C-alpha atoms as a PDB file:
ATOM      1  CA  UNK A   1       0.000   0.000   0.000  1.00  0.00           C
ATOM      2  CA  UNK A   2       1.248   3.462  -0.841  1.00  0.00           C
ATOM      3  CA  UNK A   3       1.669   6.080   1.792  1.00  0.00           C
ATOM      4  CA  UNK A   4      -1.222   8.461   2.068  1.00  0.00           C
ATOM      5  CA  UNK A   5      -0.690  11.809   0.368  1.00  0.00           C
ATOM      6  CA  UNK A   6      -0.726  14.721   2.722  1.00  0.00           C
ATOM      7  CA  UNK A   7      -2.102  17.887   1.186  1.00  0.00           C
ATOM      8  CA  UNK A   8      -1.088  21.176   2.782  1.00  0.00           C
ATOM      9  CA  UNK A   9      -4.018  23.281   3.738  1.00  0.00           C
ATOM     10  CA  UNK A  10      -4.570  26.320   1.488  1.00  0.00           C
ATOM     11  CA  UNK A  11      -3.314  29.616   2.886  1.00  0.00           C
ATOM     12  CA  UNK A  12      -5.918  31.640   4.601  1.00  0.00           C
ATOM     13  CA  UNK A  13      -7.526  34.388   2.547  1.00  0.00           C
ATOM     14  CA  UNK A  14      -5.556  37.653   2.518  1.00  0.00           C
ATOM     15  CA  UNK A  15      -2.245  36.057   3.561  1.00  0.00           C
ATOM     16  CA  UNK A  16      -0.616  36.811   0.150  1.00  0.00           C
ATOM     17  CA  UNK A  17      -1.542  40.459   0.400  1.00  0.00           C
ATOM     18  CA  UNK A  18      -0.294  40.491   3.942  1.00  0.00           C
ATOM     19  CA  UNK A  19       3.057  39.024   2.868  1.00  0.00           C
ATOM     20  CA  UNK A  20       3.416  41.582   0.048  1.00  0.00           C
ATOM     21  CA  UNK A  21       2.494  44.359   2.436  1.00  0.00           C
ATOM     22  CA  UNK A  22       5.180  43.266   4.863  1.00  0.00           C
ATOM     23  CA  UNK A  23       7.887  43.561   2.126  1.00  0.00           C
ATOM     24  CA  UNK A  24       9.669  46.839   2.775  1.00  0.00           C
ATOM     25  CA  UNK A  25       9.099  49.254  -0.147  1.00  0.00           C
ATOM     26  CA  UNK A  26      12.580  50.638   0.479  1.00  0.00           C
ATOM     27  CA  UNK A  27      14.061  47.373  -0.855  1.00  0.00           C
ATOM     28  CA  UNK A  28      12.131  47.741  -4.112  1.00  0.00           C
ATOM     29  CA  UNK A  29      13.194  51.380  -4.516  1.00  0.00           C
ATOM     30  CA  UNK A  30      16.812  50.467  -3.763  1.00  0.00           C
ATOM     31  CA  UNK A  31      16.646  47.664  -6.336  1.00  0.00           C
ATOM     32  CA  UNK A  32      15.524  50.030  -9.098  1.00  0.00           C
ATOM     33  CA  UNK A  33      17.956  52.702  -7.947  1.00  0.00           C
ATOM     34  CA  UNK A  34      20.883  50.338  -8.225  1.00  0.00           C
ATOM     35  CA  UNK A  35      19.896  49.312 -11.739  1.00  0.00           C
ATOM     36  CA  UNK A  36      19.371  52.957 -12.670  1.00  0.00           C
ATOM     37  CA  UNK A  37      22.881  53.847 -11.559  1.00  0.00           C
ATOM     38  CA  UNK A  38      24.269  50.999 -13.630  1.00  0.00           C
ATOM     39  CA  UNK A  39      22.612  52.390 -16.756  1.00  0.00           C
ATOM     40  CA  UNK A  40      23.577  55.991 -16.017  1.00  0.00           C
ATOM     41  CA  UNK A  41      27.161  55.211 -14.986  1.00  0.00           C
ATOM     42  CA  UNK A  42      28.640  55.260 -18.548  1.00  0.00           C
ATOM     43  CA  UNK A  43      27.206  58.717 -19.178  1.00  0.00           C
ATOM     44  CA  UNK A  44      28.460  59.958 -15.811  1.00  0.00           C
ATOM     45  CA  UNK A  45      31.944  58.661 -16.566  1.00  0.00           C
ATOM     46  CA  UNK A  46      32.029  60.334 -19.984  1.00  0.00           C
ATOM     47  CA  UNK A  47      30.565  63.533 -18.529  1.00  0.00           C
ATOM     48  CA  UNK A  48      33.169  63.681 -15.783  1.00  0.00           C
ATOM     49  CA  UNK A  49      36.028  62.742 -18.091  1.00  0.00           C
ATOM     50  CA  UNK A  50      35.307  65.125 -20.947  1.00  0.00           C
ATOM     51  CA  UNK A  51      33.550  68.021 -19.193  1.00  0.00           C
ATOM     52  CA  UNK A  52      34.100  68.218 -15.456  1.00  0.00           C
ATOM     53  CA  UNK A  53      37.783  67.296 -15.512  1.00  0.00           C
ATOM     54  CA  UNK A  54      38.718  69.746 -18.326  1.00  0.00           C
ATOM     55  CA  UNK A  55      36.687  72.426 -16.548  1.00  0.00           C
ATOM     56  CA  UNK A  56      38.546  71.939 -13.270  1.00  0.00           C
ATOM     57  CA  UNK A  57      41.901  71.546 -14.989  1.00  0.00           C
ATOM     58  CA  UNK A  58      41.298  74.806 -16.876  1.00  0.00           C
ATOM     59  CA  UNK A  59      40.705  76.596 -13.583  1.00  0.00           C
ATOM     60  CA  UNK A  60      43.987  75.172 -12.314  1.00  0.00           C
ATOM     61  CA  UNK A  61      45.832  76.424 -15.417  1.00  0.00           C
ATOM     62  CA  UNK A  62      44.273  79.883 -15.116  1.00  0.00           C
ATOM     63  CA  UNK A  63      45.844  80.186 -11.663  1.00  0.00           C
ATOM     64  CA  UNK A  64      49.343  79.472 -12.958  1.00  0.00           C
ATOM     65  CA  UNK A  65      51.779  80.673 -15.604  1.00  0.00           C
ATOM     66  CA  UNK A  66      51.345  77.553 -17.748  1.00  0.00           C
ATOM     67  CA  UNK A  67      52.841  77.622 -21.224  1.00  0.00           C
ATOM     68  CA  UNK A  68      52.085  75.536 -24.275  1.00  0.00           C
ATOM     69  CA  UNK A  69      54.826  73.044 -23.466  1.00  0.00           C
ATOM     70  CA  UNK A  70      53.404  72.299 -20.010  1.00  0.00           C
ATOM     71  CA  UNK A  71      56.762  72.763 -18.275  1.00  0.00           C
ATOM     72  CA  UNK A  72      58.089  75.275 -15.717  1.00  0.00           C
ATOM     73  CA  UNK A  73      54.628  76.316 -14.537  1.00  0.00           C
ATOM     74  CA  UNK A  74      54.105  77.952 -11.169  1.00  0.00           C
ATOM     75  CA  UNK A  75      51.108  78.975  -9.121  1.00  0.00           C
ATOM     76  CA  UNK A  76      50.554  82.740  -9.387  1.00  0.00           C
ATOM     77  CA  UNK A  77      47.027  83.078  -7.974  1.00  0.00           C
ATOM     78  CA  UNK A  78      44.729  85.589  -9.614  1.00  0.00           C
ATOM     79  CA  UNK A  79      47.465  87.513 -11.432  1.00  0.00           C
ATOM     80  CA  UNK A  80      46.207  86.320 -14.832  1.00  0.00           C
ATOM     81  CA  UNK A  81      42.703  87.535 -14.057  1.00  0.00           C
ATOM     82  CA  UNK A  82      43.992  90.915 -12.885  1.00  0.00           C
ATOM     83  CA  UNK A  83      46.063  91.276 -16.065  1.00  0.00           C
ATOM     84  CA  UNK A  84      43.112  90.299 -18.251  1.00  0.00           C
ATOM     85  CA  UNK A  85      40.882  92.942 -16.693  1.00  0.00           C
ATOM     86  CA  UNK A  86      43.510  95.582 -17.507  1.00  0.00           C
ATOM     87  CA  UNK A  87      44.357  94.296 -20.998  1.00  0.00           C
ATOM     88  CA  UNK A  88      42.990  96.649 -23.722  1.00  0.00           C
ATOM     89  CA  UNK A  89      43.025  93.778 -26.232  1.00  0.00           C
ATOM     90  CA  UNK A  90      40.571  91.872 -24.065  1.00  0.00           C
ATOM     91  CA  UNK A  91      38.156  94.797 -23.937  1.00  0.00           C
ATOM     92  CA  UNK A  92      38.427  95.586 -27.661  1.00  0.00           C
ATOM     93  CA  UNK A  93      37.862  91.935 -28.574  1.00  0.00           C
ATOM     94  CA  UNK A  94      34.964  91.734 -26.147  1.00  0.00           C
ATOM     95  CA  UNK A  95      33.408  94.839 -27.682  1.00  0.00           C
ATOM     96  CA  UNK A  96      33.742  93.336 -31.171  1.00  0.00           C
ATOM     97  CA  UNK A  97      31.936  90.231 -29.911  1.00  0.00           C
ATOM     98  CA  UNK A  98      29.134  92.242 -28.317  1.00  0.00           C
ATOM     99  CA  UNK A  99      28.833  94.463 -31.394  1.00  0.00           C
ATOM    100  CA  UNK A 100      28.512  91.436 -33.655  1.00  0.00           C
ATOM    101  CA  UNK A 101      25.876  89.985 -31.314  1.00  0.00           C
ATOM    102  CA  UNK A 102      23.836  93.191 -31.440  1.00  0.00           C
ATOM    103  CA  UNK A 103      24.074  93.437 -35.225  1.00  0.00           C
ATOM    104  CA  UNK A 104      23.245  89.795 -35.941  1.00  0.00           C
ATOM    105  CA  UNK A 105      20.553  88.924 -33.392  1.00  0.00           C
ATOM    106  CA  UNK A 106      17.824  91.240 -34.691  1.00  0.00           C
ATOM    107  CA  UNK A 107      18.007  90.262 -38.400  1.00  0.00           C
ATOM    108  CA  UNK A 108      18.358  86.594 -37.551  1.00  0.00           C
ATOM    109  CA  UNK A 109      15.149  86.697 -35.510  1.00  0.00           C
ATOM    110  CA  UNK A 110      13.170  88.843 -37.954  1.00  0.00           C
ATOM    111  CA  UNK A 111      14.353  87.092 -41.122  1.00  0.00           C
ATOM    112  CA  UNK A 112      13.747  83.681 -39.574  1.00  0.00           C
ATOM    113  CA  UNK A 113      10.208  84.719 -38.645  1.00  0.00           C
ATOM    114  CA  UNK A 114       9.539  86.179 -42.081  1.00  0.00           C
ATOM    115  CA  UNK A 115      10.744  83.087 -43.898  1.00  0.00           C
ATOM    116  CA  UNK A 116       8.661  80.862 -41.625  1.00  0.00           C
ATOM    117  CA  UNK A 117       5.533  82.914 -42.342  1.00  0.00           C
ATOM    118  CA  UNK A 118       6.162  82.685 -46.086  1.00  0.00           C
ATOM    119  CA  UNK A 119       6.810  78.940 -46.014  1.00  0.00           C
ATOM    120  CA  UNK A 120       3.738  78.383 -43.848  1.00  0.00           C
ATOM    121  CA  UNK A 121       1.390  80.211 -46.208  1.00  0.00           C
ATOM    122  CA  UNK A 122       2.865  79.284 -49.584  1.00  0.00           C
ATOM    123  CA  UNK A 123       0.872  76.505 -51.196  1.00  0.00           C
ATOM    124  CA  UNK A 124       3.141  75.806 -54.182  1.00  0.00           C
ATOM    125  CA  UNK A 125       6.100  73.401 -53.767  1.00  0.00           C
ATOM    126  CA  UNK A 126       6.348  73.979 -50.030  1.00  0.00           C
ATOM    127  CA  UNK A 127       9.096  71.373 -49.672  1.00  0.00           C
ATOM    128  CA  UNK A 128      11.332  73.325 -52.076  1.00  0.00           C
ATOM    129  CA  UNK A 129      11.079  76.569 -50.096  1.00  0.00           C
ATOM    130  CA  UNK A 130      11.681  74.820 -46.795  1.00  0.00           C
ATOM    131  CA  UNK A 131      14.675  72.928 -48.152  1.00  0.00           C
ATOM    132  CA  UNK A 132      16.252  75.959 -49.835  1.00  0.00           C
ATOM    133  CA  UNK A 133      15.943  78.146 -46.725  1.00  0.00           C
ATOM    134  CA  UNK A 134      17.219  75.498 -44.313  1.00  0.00           C
ATOM    135  CA  UNK A 135      19.969  73.962 -46.488  1.00  0.00           C
ATOM    136  CA  UNK A 136      22.657  76.646 -45.835  1.00  0.00           C
ATOM    137  CA  UNK A 137      22.560  75.807 -42.133  1.00  0.00           C
ATOM    138  CA  UNK A 138      23.882  72.335 -42.967  1.00  0.00           C
ATOM    139  CA  UNK A 139      27.044  73.673 -44.616  1.00  0.00           C
ATOM    140  CA  UNK A 140      30.335  73.630 -42.664  1.00  0.00           C
ATOM    141  CA  UNK A 141      31.746  76.951 -41.551  1.00  0.00           C
ATOM    142  CA  UNK A 142      34.790  76.518 -43.791  1.00  0.00           C
ATOM    143  CA  UNK A 143      32.649  76.147 -46.903  1.00  0.00           C
ATOM    144  CA  UNK A 144      30.558  79.201 -46.024  1.00  0.00           C
ATOM    145  CA  UNK A 145      33.590  81.345 -45.210  1.00  0.00           C
ATOM    146  CA  UNK A 146      35.411  80.489 -48.430  1.00  0.00           C
ATOM    147  CA  UNK A 147      32.243  80.897 -50.488  1.00  0.00           C
ATOM    148  CA  UNK A 148      31.681  84.467 -49.336  1.00  0.00           C
ATOM    149  CA  UNK A 149      35.394  85.230 -49.322  1.00  0.00           C
ATOM    150  CA  UNK A 150      36.077  84.170 -52.923  1.00  0.00           C
ATOM    151  CA  UNK A 151      32.675  84.471 -54.629  1.00  0.00           C
ATOM    152  CA  UNK A 152      30.527  87.092 -52.907  1.00  0.00           C
ATOM    153  CA  UNK A 153      32.894  89.711 -51.472  1.00  0.00           C
ATOM    154  CA  UNK A 154      35.951  89.998 -53.755  1.00  0.00           C
ATOM    155  CA  UNK A 155      36.437  93.582 -54.946  1.00  0.00           C
ATOM    156  CA  UNK A 156      35.455  94.460 -58.543  1.00  0.00           C
ATOM    157  CA  UNK A 157      34.469  90.951 -59.664  1.00  0.00           C
ATOM    158  CA  UNK A 158      32.550  89.561 -56.666  1.00  0.00           C
ATOM    159  CA  UNK A 159      28.806  89.048 -56.685  1.00  0.00           C
ATOM    160  CA  UNK A 160      28.248  91.918 -54.237  1.00  0.00           C
ATOM    161  CA  UNK A 161      30.149  94.416 -56.418  1.00  0.00           C
ATOM    162  CA  UNK A 162      28.439  93.167 -59.552  1.00  0.00           C
ATOM    163  CA  UNK A 163      25.070  93.729 -57.879  1.00  0.00           C
ATOM    164  CA  UNK A 164      26.087  97.312 -57.024  1.00  0.00           C
ATOM    165  CA  UNK A 165      27.256  97.925 -60.586  1.00  0.00           C
ATOM    166  CA  UNK A 166      23.950  96.662 -61.978  1.00  0.00           C
ATOM    167  CA  UNK A 167      22.181  99.241 -59.811  1.00  0.00           C
ATOM    168  CA  UNK A 168      24.392 102.048 -61.106  1.00  0.00           C
ATOM    169  CA  UNK A 169      26.405 102.335 -57.891  1.00  0.00           C
ATOM    170  CA  UNK A 170      30.165 102.475 -57.613  1.00  0.00           C
ATOM    171  CA  UNK A 171      31.700  99.011 -57.064  1.00  0.00           C
ATOM    172  CA  UNK A 172      35.123  98.251 -55.663  1.00  0.00           C
ATOM    173  CA  UNK A 173      34.170  98.284 -51.978  1.00  0.00           C
ATOM    174  CA  UNK A 174      36.554  96.515 -49.659  1.00  0.00           C
ATOM    175  CA  UNK A 175      33.970  94.307 -48.062  1.00  0.00           C
ATOM    176  CA  UNK A 176      36.486  92.402 -45.945  1.00  0.00           C
ATOM    177  CA  UNK A 177      39.376  94.886 -45.968  1.00  0.00           C
ATOM    178  CA  UNK A 178      37.622  98.100 -44.918  1.00  0.00           C
ATOM    179  CA  UNK A 179      36.808  98.624 -41.244  1.00  0.00           C
ATOM    180  CA  UNK A 180      33.489 100.212 -42.157  1.00  0.00           C
ATOM    181  CA  UNK A 181      32.196  97.121 -43.965  1.00  0.00           C
ATOM    182  CA  UNK A 182      34.114  94.129 -42.577  1.00  0.00           C
ATOM    183  CA  UNK A 183      31.850  93.492 -39.579  1.00  0.00           C
ATOM    184  CA  UNK A 184      28.709  94.070 -41.665  1.00  0.00           C
ATOM    185  CA  UNK A 185      29.974  91.560 -44.229  1.00  0.00           C
ATOM    186  CA  UNK A 186      30.509  88.957 -41.507  1.00  0.00           C
ATOM    187  CA  UNK A 187      27.020  89.650 -40.138  1.00  0.00           C
ATOM    188  CA  UNK A 188      25.498  89.201 -43.618  1.00  0.00           C
ATOM    189  CA  UNK A 189      27.379  85.926 -44.019  1.00  0.00           C
ATOM    190  CA  UNK A 190      26.205  84.677 -40.638  1.00  0.00           C
ATOM    191  CA  UNK A 191      22.573  85.614 -41.322  1.00  0.00           C
ATOM    192  CA  UNK A 192      22.566  83.732 -44.634  1.00  0.00           C
ATOM    193  CA  UNK A 193      24.282  80.741 -43.058  1.00  0.00           C
ATOM    194  CA  UNK A 194      22.419  80.265 -39.750  1.00  0.00           C
ATOM    195  CA  UNK A 195      18.958  81.754 -40.263  1.00  0.00           C
ATOM    196  CA  UNK A 196      17.663  78.330 -41.319  1.00  0.00           C
ATOM    197  CA  UNK A 197      17.730  77.097 -37.726  1.00  0.00           C
ATOM    198  CA  UNK A 198      15.521  79.948 -36.493  1.00  0.00           C
ATOM    199  CA  UNK A 199      13.304  79.468 -39.536  1.00  0.00           C
ATOM    200  CA  UNK A 200      12.773  75.825 -38.583  1.00  0.00           C
ATOM    201  CA  UNK A 201      11.863  76.669 -34.988  1.00  0.00           C
ATOM    202  CA  UNK A 202       9.358  79.304 -36.072  1.00  0.00           C
ATOM    203  CA  UNK A 203       7.851  77.022 -38.719  1.00  0.00           C
ATOM    204  CA  UNK A 204       7.264  74.272 -36.156  1.00  0.00           C
ATOM    205  CA  UNK A 205       5.649  76.797 -33.792  1.00  0.00           C
ATOM    206  CA  UNK A 206       3.393  78.139 -36.556  1.00  0.00           C
ATOM    207  CA  UNK A 207       2.164  74.651 -37.382  1.00  0.00           C
ATOM    208  CA  UNK A 208       1.275  74.117 -33.710  1.00  0.00           C
ATOM    209  CA  UNK A 209      -1.103  77.114 -33.550  1.00  0.00           C
ATOM    210  CA  UNK A 210      -4.729  75.859 -33.496  1.00  0.00           C
ATOM    211  CA  UNK A 211      -6.472  76.584 -36.787  1.00  0.00           C
ATOM    212  CA  UNK A 212      -9.792  77.323 -35.135  1.00  0.00           C
ATOM    213  CA  UNK A 213      -8.367  80.578 -33.758  1.00  0.00           C
ATOM    214  CA  UNK A 214      -7.899  81.894 -37.290  1.00  0.00           C
ATOM    215  CA  UNK A 215     -11.308  80.618 -38.357  1.00  0.00           C
ATOM    216  CA  UNK A 216     -12.992  82.413 -35.466  1.00  0.00           C
ATOM    217  CA  UNK A 217     -11.078  85.601 -36.273  1.00  0.00           C
ATOM    218  CA  UNK A 218     -12.160  85.431 -39.920  1.00  0.00           C
ATOM    219  CA  UNK A 219     -15.783  85.049 -38.854  1.00  0.00           C
ATOM    220  CA  UNK A 220     -15.373  88.207 -36.773  1.00  0.00           C
ATOM    221  CA  UNK A 221     -14.085  90.050 -39.824  1.00  0.00           C
ATOM    222  CA  UNK A 222     -10.370  90.202 -38.867  1.00  0.00           C
ATOM    223  CA  UNK A 223      -8.022  90.734 -41.779  1.00  0.00           C
ATOM    224  CA  UNK A 224      -4.620  89.185 -42.409  1.00  0.00           C
ATOM    225  CA  UNK A 225      -2.684  91.856 -40.488  1.00  0.00           C
ATOM    226  CA  UNK A 226      -5.115  91.701 -37.564  1.00  0.00           C
ATOM    227  CA  UNK A 227      -4.718  87.929 -37.359  1.00  0.00           C
ATOM    228  CA  UNK A 228      -0.939  88.307 -37.496  1.00  0.00           C
ATOM    229  CA  UNK A 229      -0.747  90.883 -34.666  1.00  0.00           C
ATOM    230  CA  UNK A 230      -3.455  89.440 -32.435  1.00  0.00           C
ATOM    231  CA  UNK A 231      -3.028  85.682 -32.912  1.00  0.00           C
ATOM    232  CA  UNK A 232       0.222  84.667 -34.596  1.00  0.00           C
ATOM    233  CA  UNK A 233       2.742  86.889 -32.837  1.00  0.00           C
ATOM    234  CA  UNK A 234       1.309  86.383 -29.316  1.00  0.00           C
ATOM    235  CA  UNK A 235       1.266  82.618 -29.861  1.00  0.00           C
ATOM    236  CA  UNK A 236       4.937  82.777 -30.946  1.00  0.00           C
ATOM    237  CA  UNK A 237       6.072  84.660 -27.842  1.00  0.00           C
ATOM    238  CA  UNK A 238       7.710  81.682 -26.158  1.00  0.00           C
ATOM    239  CA  UNK A 239       9.370  80.562 -29.366  1.00  0.00           C
ATOM    240  CA  UNK A 240      10.740  84.060 -29.865  1.00  0.00           C
ATOM    241  CA  UNK A 241      12.193  83.986 -26.358  1.00  0.00           C
ATOM    242  CA  UNK A 242      13.928  80.688 -27.057  1.00  0.00           C
ATOM    243  CA  UNK A 243      15.241  81.925 -30.411  1.00  0.00           C
ATOM    244  CA  UNK A 244      16.617  85.125 -28.886  1.00  0.00           C
ATOM    245  CA  UNK A 245      18.387  83.260 -26.079  1.00  0.00           C
ATOM    246  CA  UNK A 246      19.918  80.689 -28.422  1.00  0.00           C
ATOM    247  CA  UNK A 247      20.947  83.364 -30.904  1.00  0.00           C
ATOM    248  CA  UNK A 248      22.637  85.544 -28.305  1.00  0.00           C
ATOM    249  CA  UNK A 249      24.607  82.602 -26.932  1.00  0.00           C
ATOM    250  CA  UNK A 250      25.609  81.465 -30.425  1.00  0.00           C
ATOM    251  CA  UNK A 251      26.664  84.968 -31.488  1.00  0.00           C
ATOM    252  CA  UNK A 252      28.777  85.456 -28.376  1.00  0.00           C
ATOM    253  CA  UNK A 253      30.743  82.342 -29.337  1.00  0.00           C
ATOM    254  CA  UNK A 254      31.589  83.528 -32.850  1.00  0.00           C
ATOM    255  CA  UNK A 255      34.968  82.395 -34.141  1.00  0.00           C
ATOM    256  CA  UNK A 256      34.960  80.298 -37.326  1.00  0.00           C
ATOM    257  CA  UNK A 257      33.726  82.702 -39.990  1.00  0.00           C
ATOM    258  CA  UNK A 258      35.761  85.609 -38.636  1.00  0.00           C
ATOM    259  CA  UNK A 259      38.960  83.574 -38.500  1.00  0.00           C
ATOM    260  CA  UNK A 260      38.456  82.315 -42.054  1.00  0.00           C
ATOM    261  CA  UNK A 261      37.271  85.516 -43.728  1.00  0.00           C
ATOM    262  CA  UNK A 262      39.221  88.321 -42.041  1.00  0.00           C
ATOM    263  CA  UNK A 263      41.492  86.662 -39.425  1.00  0.00           C
ATOM    264  CA  UNK A 264      40.298  89.393 -37.062  1.00  0.00           C
ATOM    265  CA  UNK A 265      41.222  92.278 -39.374  1.00  0.00           C
ATOM    266  CA  UNK A 266      41.402  94.821 -40.709  1.00  0.00           C
ATOM    267  CA  UNK A 267      43.401  96.270 -37.822  1.00  0.00           C
ATOM    268  CA  UNK A 268      41.730  93.806 -35.405  1.00  0.00           C
ATOM    269  CA  UNK A 269      38.359  95.496 -35.932  1.00  0.00           C
ATOM    270  CA  UNK A 270      36.544  92.157 -36.228  1.00  0.00           C
ATOM    271  CA  UNK A 271      38.605  90.039 -33.821  1.00  0.00           C
ATOM    272  CA  UNK A 272      36.240  88.324 -31.326  1.00  0.00           C
ATOM    273  CA  UNK A 273      37.178  87.387 -27.801  1.00  0.00           C
ATOM    274  CA  UNK A 274      37.562  83.694 -28.634  1.00  0.00           C
ATOM    275  CA  UNK A 275      40.112  84.494 -31.322  1.00  0.00           C
ATOM    276  CA  UNK A 276      42.094  86.521 -28.806  1.00  0.00           C
ATOM    277  CA  UNK A 277      41.996  83.529 -26.445  1.00  0.00           C
ATOM    278  CA  UNK A 278      43.321  81.377 -29.299  1.00  0.00           C
ATOM    279  CA  UNK A 279      46.064  83.859 -30.101  1.00  0.00           C
ATOM    280  CA  UNK A 280      47.105  84.265 -26.474  1.00  0.00           C
ATOM    281  CA  UNK A 281      47.246  80.513 -25.905  1.00  0.00           C
ATOM    282  CA  UNK A 282      48.544  79.033 -29.162  1.00  0.00           C
ATOM    283  CA  UNK A 283      50.383  81.980 -30.708  1.00  0.00           C
ATOM    284  CA  UNK A 284      51.595  83.729 -27.590  1.00  0.00           C
ATOM    285  CA  UNK A 285      52.126  80.349 -25.800  1.00  0.00           C
ATOM    286  CA  UNK A 286      50.440  81.667 -22.618  1.00  0.00           C
ATOM    287  CA  UNK A 287      47.995  78.892 -21.820  1.00  0.00           C
ATOM    288  CA  UNK A 288      47.417  80.099 -18.258  1.00  0.00           C
ATOM    289  CA  UNK A 289      46.554  83.630 -19.332  1.00  0.00           C
ATOM    290  CA  UNK A 290      44.327  82.365 -22.159  1.00  0.00           C
ATOM    291  CA  UNK A 291      42.486  80.159 -19.663  1.00  0.00           C
ATOM    292  CA  UNK A 292      41.873  83.141 -17.382  1.00  0.00           C
ATOM    293  CA  UNK A 293      40.459  85.200 -20.271  1.00  0.00           C
ATOM    294  CA  UNK A 294      38.219  82.326 -21.339  1.00  0.00           C
ATOM    295  CA  UNK A 295      36.841  81.889 -17.814  1.00  0.00           C
ATOM    296  CA  UNK A 296      36.071  85.592 -17.557  1.00  0.00           C
ATOM    297  CA  UNK A 297      34.177  85.293 -20.830  1.00  0.00           C
ATOM    298  CA  UNK A 298      32.429  82.180 -19.522  1.00  0.00           C
ATOM    299  CA  UNK A 299      31.268  84.154 -16.488  1.00  0.00           C
ATOM    300  CA  UNK A 300      29.875  86.836 -18.821  1.00  0.00           C
ATOM    301  CA  UNK A 301      27.925  84.234 -20.806  1.00  0.00           C
ATOM    302  CA  UNK A 302      26.472  82.778 -17.605  1.00  0.00           C
ATOM    303  CA  UNK A 303      25.354  86.236 -16.450  1.00  0.00           C
ATOM    304  CA  UNK A 304      23.759  87.021 -19.816  1.00  0.00           C
ATOM    305  CA  UNK A 305      21.963  83.657 -19.813  1.00  0.00           C
ATOM    306  CA  UNK A 306      20.577  84.158 -16.308  1.00  0.00           C
ATOM    307  CA  UNK A 307      19.374  87.691 -17.080  1.00  0.00           C
ATOM    308  CA  UNK A 308      17.764  86.577 -20.334  1.00  0.00           C
ATOM    309  CA  UNK A 309      16.126  83.609 -18.607  1.00  0.00           C
ATOM    310  CA  UNK A 310      14.749  85.889 -15.910  1.00  0.00           C
ATOM    311  CA  UNK A 311      13.358  88.334 -18.465  1.00  0.00           C
ATOM    312  CA  UNK A 312      11.811  85.541 -20.514  1.00  0.00           C
ATOM    313  CA  UNK A 313      10.192  83.981 -17.448  1.00  0.00           C
ATOM    314  CA  UNK A 314       8.809  87.345 -16.339  1.00  0.00           C
ATOM    315  CA  UNK A 315       7.381  87.985 -19.817  1.00  0.00           C
ATOM    316  CA  UNK A 316       5.763  84.539 -19.819  1.00  0.00           C
ATOM    317  CA  UNK A 317       4.207  85.123 -16.397  1.00  0.00           C
ATOM    318  CA  UNK A 318       2.827  88.502 -17.471  1.00  0.00           C
ATOM    319  CA  UNK A 319       1.431  86.954 -20.636  1.00  0.00           C
ATOM    320  CA  UNK A 320      -0.230  84.155 -18.650  1.00  0.00           C
ATOM    321  CA  UNK A 321      -1.839  86.666 -16.274  1.00  0.00           C
ATOM    322  CA  UNK A 322      -3.119  88.775 -19.136  1.00  0.00           C
END
């Protein structure tokens, strides 16, 4: 005879829930936290290796008299910063950077908005207009600089002089060799090259505006200009704030097109602050001093960003209340 089978009594109702309830939720959270750190760890390592460490090492170099060879460096404290604040080349280069930012920000915002409005309302081959206005933004800075340097702005035979001659004006302007026109030529080059990014942001914002707002305005008898001023522009307020902030930060970091087209000339009238940092570090071999100048400029960018963020947030709050 086989041994009788003993069946365990079923657990009382609610015991499973009671067991799950007794499991500490902290263990579950710790379990997911540990796995989250494992996934994030590669990014943290790369972030610390390629951003935090160079940032801290740059501060260390700015406090010494480091040269390009990395030998015979000594700690000198804040002497580099004191020298930079008294260096007229720093202030002239900084003014050139600010002047370029002021000249380029307004047309880049307005032209980008205008192109977006045209592309949004044109019904014929829309893809062609969007592609042609955004395509220059995809070109490398070297291609753009050489294009305007050898095709658009050469004296007497460049496209710009030929356009003036066709209008009956006197050609032969030194677009890149005259102090009166060099910065304006760089601004025109930058607007043609980078306006496609602002155009794309504005176009996406225009497509997100609800169509029923325009339909209701048309029923009320509002014309095209009334719809633009009372619907389109207010709805684009946040996008405009983002575009202005991004454009200011990008213009403050100008280097490529100036270095290629004018090398900071004529007579250093277009030299930006980043080019002076490059010259001080890699031409003058003063890596410590160049680091100090770059960190002063970094502090300026942080201040401008915080002020612009504060103004944008205040404008958004006022718009929400109204």
